[in-house]
Amino acid sequence: MITTEKVTLTLPADLVATLRSMAPSRRQSQFVAEALRAYIAEQQRKSLRERLIAGYQANAADDAVLAAEWAAAEDEAWDKIEPYPGAESTDDTTYSTR
């Protein structure tokens, strides 16, 4: 069972009017709780996205150097891969991600 806590909020009158028009009086707390959960989840997704982007950008130069160092080995490995049965093309670019 979810524990609840009674709180007092001060909201703009137009927002309260919209809430009252959208949710019956006995469901307004549930409506607000669901809206808050949705808003919080969205903010958390935005924050995670920003942190991931910052991390990718911070590591981009190192990742490019590492990729360049392994490019020859990667090309050699792709050259050794046999096409799967029924493959239409034997062009090397079919298997490359570059």
C-alpha atoms as a PDB file:
ATOM      1  CA  MET A   1       0.000   0.000   0.000  1.00  0.00           C
ATOM      2  CA  ILE A   2       1.262   3.442  -0.891  1.00  0.00           C
ATOM      3  CA  THR A   3       1.570   5.842   2.007  1.00  0.00           C
ATOM      4  CA  THR A   4       0.277   9.308   1.375  1.00  0.00           C
ATOM      5  CA  GLU A   5       0.939  12.697   2.872  1.00  0.00           C
ATOM      6  CA  LYS A   6      -1.423  15.616   2.915  1.00  0.00           C
ATOM      7  CA  VAL A   7       0.078  18.833   1.518  1.00  0.00           C
ATOM      8  CA  THR A   8      -1.148  22.328   0.822  1.00  0.00           C
ATOM      9  CA  LEU A   9      -0.276  23.896  -2.505  1.00  0.00           C
ATOM     10  CA  THR A  10      -0.861  27.363  -3.854  1.00  0.00           C
ATOM     11  CA  LEU A  11      -1.693  27.219  -7.554  1.00  0.00           C
ATOM     12  CA  PRO A  12      -2.859  29.734 -10.146  1.00  0.00           C
ATOM     13  CA  ALA A  13      -6.677  29.945 -10.321  1.00  0.00           C
ATOM     14  CA  ASP A  14      -6.778  28.995 -14.008  1.00  0.00           C
ATOM     15  CA  LEU A  15      -4.767  25.846 -13.328  1.00  0.00           C
ATOM     16  CA  VAL A  16      -7.108  24.837 -10.511  1.00  0.00           C
ATOM     17  CA  ALA A  17     -10.115  25.462 -12.763  1.00  0.00           C
ATOM     18  CA  THR A  18      -8.602  23.238 -15.443  1.00  0.00           C
ATOM     19  CA  LEU A  19      -7.877  20.540 -12.858  1.00  0.00           C
ATOM     20  CA  ARG A  20     -11.468  20.669 -11.606  1.00  0.00           C
ATOM     21  CA  SER A  21     -12.819  20.430 -15.144  1.00  0.00           C
ATOM     22  CA  MET A  22     -10.654  17.423 -15.972  1.00  0.00           C
ATOM     23  CA  ALA A  23     -10.847  15.368 -12.765  1.00  0.00           C
ATOM     24  CA  PRO A  24     -13.766  14.653 -10.459  1.00  0.00           C
ATOM     25  CA  SER A  25     -13.300  16.109  -6.974  1.00  0.00           C
ATOM     26  CA  ARG A  26     -12.525  12.707  -5.423  1.00  0.00           C
ATOM     27  CA  ARG A  27      -9.858  12.026  -8.066  1.00  0.00           C
ATOM     28  CA  GLN A  28      -8.023  15.342  -8.101  1.00  0.00           C
ATOM     29  CA  SER A  29      -5.227  14.178  -5.789  1.00  0.00           C
ATOM     30  CA  GLN A  30      -4.672  11.124  -7.975  1.00  0.00           C
ATOM     31  CA  PHE A  31      -4.704  13.340 -11.081  1.00  0.00           C
ATOM     32  CA  VAL A  32      -2.085  15.686  -9.585  1.00  0.00           C
ATOM     33  CA  ALA A  33       0.049  12.749  -8.397  1.00  0.00           C
ATOM     34  CA  GLU A  34       0.027  11.203 -11.890  1.00  0.00           C
ATOM     35  CA  ALA A  35       0.863  14.558 -13.475  1.00  0.00           C
ATOM     36  CA  LEU A  36       3.763  15.049 -11.054  1.00  0.00           C
ATOM     37  CA  ARG A  37       5.077  11.531 -11.718  1.00  0.00           C
ATOM     38  CA  ALA A  38       4.956  12.149 -15.465  1.00  0.00           C
ATOM     39  CA  TYR A  39       6.709  15.513 -15.110  1.00  0.00           C
ATOM     40  CA  ILE A  40       9.392  14.099 -12.810  1.00  0.00           C
ATOM     41  CA  ALA A  41      10.024  11.158 -15.157  1.00  0.00           C
ATOM     42  CA  GLU A  42      10.392  13.559 -18.093  1.00  0.00           C
ATOM     43  CA  GLN A  43      12.841  15.736 -16.158  1.00  0.00           C
ATOM     44  CA  GLN A  44      14.865  12.654 -15.207  1.00  0.00           C
ATOM     45  CA  ARG A  45      14.986  11.532 -18.870  1.00  0.00           C
ATOM     46  CA  LYS A  46      16.153  15.002 -19.914  1.00  0.00           C
ATOM     47  CA  SER A  47      18.818  15.024 -17.229  1.00  0.00           C
ATOM     48  CA  LEU A  48      20.065  11.566 -18.236  1.00  0.00           C
ATOM     49  CA  ARG A  49      20.149  12.580 -21.902  1.00  0.00           C
ATOM     50  CA  GLU A  50      22.173  15.700 -21.075  1.00  0.00           C
ATOM     51  CA  ARG A  51      24.637  13.676 -18.988  1.00  0.00           C
ATOM     52  CA  LEU A  52      25.023  11.070 -21.734  1.00  0.00           C
ATOM     53  CA  ILE A  53      25.616  13.740 -24.383  1.00  0.00           C
ATOM     54  CA  ALA A  54      28.187  15.454 -22.166  1.00  0.00           C
ATOM     55  CA  GLY A  55      29.942  12.132 -21.576  1.00  0.00           C
ATOM     56  CA  TYR A  56      29.994  11.270 -25.270  1.00  0.00           C
ATOM     57  CA  GLN A  57      31.355  14.708 -26.130  1.00  0.00           C
ATOM     58  CA  ALA A  58      33.983  14.523 -23.409  1.00  0.00           C
ATOM     59  CA  ASN A  59      35.206  11.163 -24.728  1.00  0.00           C
ATOM     60  CA  ALA A  60      34.874  11.877 -28.458  1.00  0.00           C
ATOM     61  CA  ALA A  61      38.541  12.718 -29.061  1.00  0.00           C
ATOM     62  CA  ASP A  62      39.787   9.654 -27.170  1.00  0.00           C
ATOM     63  CA  ASP A  63      37.253   7.445 -28.962  1.00  0.00           C
ATOM     64  CA  ALA A  64      38.396   8.744 -32.372  1.00  0.00           C
ATOM     65  CA  VAL A  65      42.050   8.024 -31.513  1.00  0.00           C
ATOM     66  CA  LEU A  66      41.174   4.525 -30.329  1.00  0.00           C
ATOM     67  CA  ALA A  67      39.126   3.833 -33.461  1.00  0.00           C
ATOM     68  CA  ALA A  68      41.997   5.003 -35.655  1.00  0.00           C
ATOM     69  CA  GLU A  69      44.443   2.756 -33.780  1.00  0.00           C
ATOM     70  CA  TRP A  70      42.278  -0.312 -34.372  1.00  0.00           C
ATOM     71  CA  ALA A  71      41.154   0.528 -37.940  1.00  0.00           C
ATOM     72  CA  ALA A  72      43.734  -1.710 -39.622  1.00  0.00           C
ATOM     73  CA  ALA A  73      42.843  -4.708 -37.440  1.00  0.00           C
ATOM     74  CA  GLU A  74      39.148  -4.088 -38.017  1.00  0.00           C
ATOM     75  CA  ASP A  75      39.615  -3.904 -41.792  1.00  0.00           C
ATOM     76  CA  GLU A  76      41.617  -7.117 -41.737  1.00  0.00           C
ATOM     77  CA  ALA A  77      38.881  -8.874 -39.771  1.00  0.00           C
ATOM     78  CA  TRP A  78      36.163  -7.695 -42.157  1.00  0.00           C
ATOM     79  CA  ASP A  79      38.221  -8.973 -45.096  1.00  0.00           C
ATOM     80  CA  LYS A  80      38.204 -12.462 -43.564  1.00  0.00           C
ATOM     81  CA  ILE A  81      34.450 -12.641 -43.018  1.00  0.00           C
ATOM     82  CA  GLU A  82      32.639 -14.868 -45.468  1.00  0.00           C
ATOM     83  CA  PRO A  83      29.302 -13.659 -46.799  1.00  0.00           C
ATOM     84  CA  TYR A  84      26.355 -15.461 -45.293  1.00  0.00           C
ATOM     85  CA  PRO A  85      24.537 -17.942 -47.566  1.00  0.00           C
ATOM     86  CA  GLY A  86      22.221 -16.179 -49.964  1.00  0.00           C
ATOM     87  CA  ALA A  87      24.016 -12.839 -49.772  1.00  0.00           C
ATOM     88  CA  GLU A  88      23.509 -10.862 -52.960  1.00  0.00           C
ATOM     89  CA  SER A  89      26.638  -8.734 -52.861  1.00  0.00           C
ATOM     90  CA  THR A  90      30.273  -9.573 -52.208  1.00  0.00           C
ATOM     91  CA  ASP A  91      31.210  -5.889 -52.098  1.00  0.00           C
ATOM     92  CA  ASP A  92      33.337  -5.215 -48.994  1.00  0.00           C
ATOM     93  CA  THR A  93      31.257  -2.140 -48.124  1.00  0.00           C
ATOM     94  CA  THR A  94      28.318  -4.465 -47.408  1.00  0.00           C
ATOM     95  CA  TYR A  95      30.022  -5.525 -44.190  1.00  0.00           C
ATOM     96  CA  SER A  96      31.633  -2.267 -43.163  1.00  0.00           C
ATOM     97  CA  THR A  97      30.056   0.235 -40.819  1.00  0.00           C
ATOM     98  CA  ARG A  98      32.129   3.040 -42.295  1.00  0.00           C
END
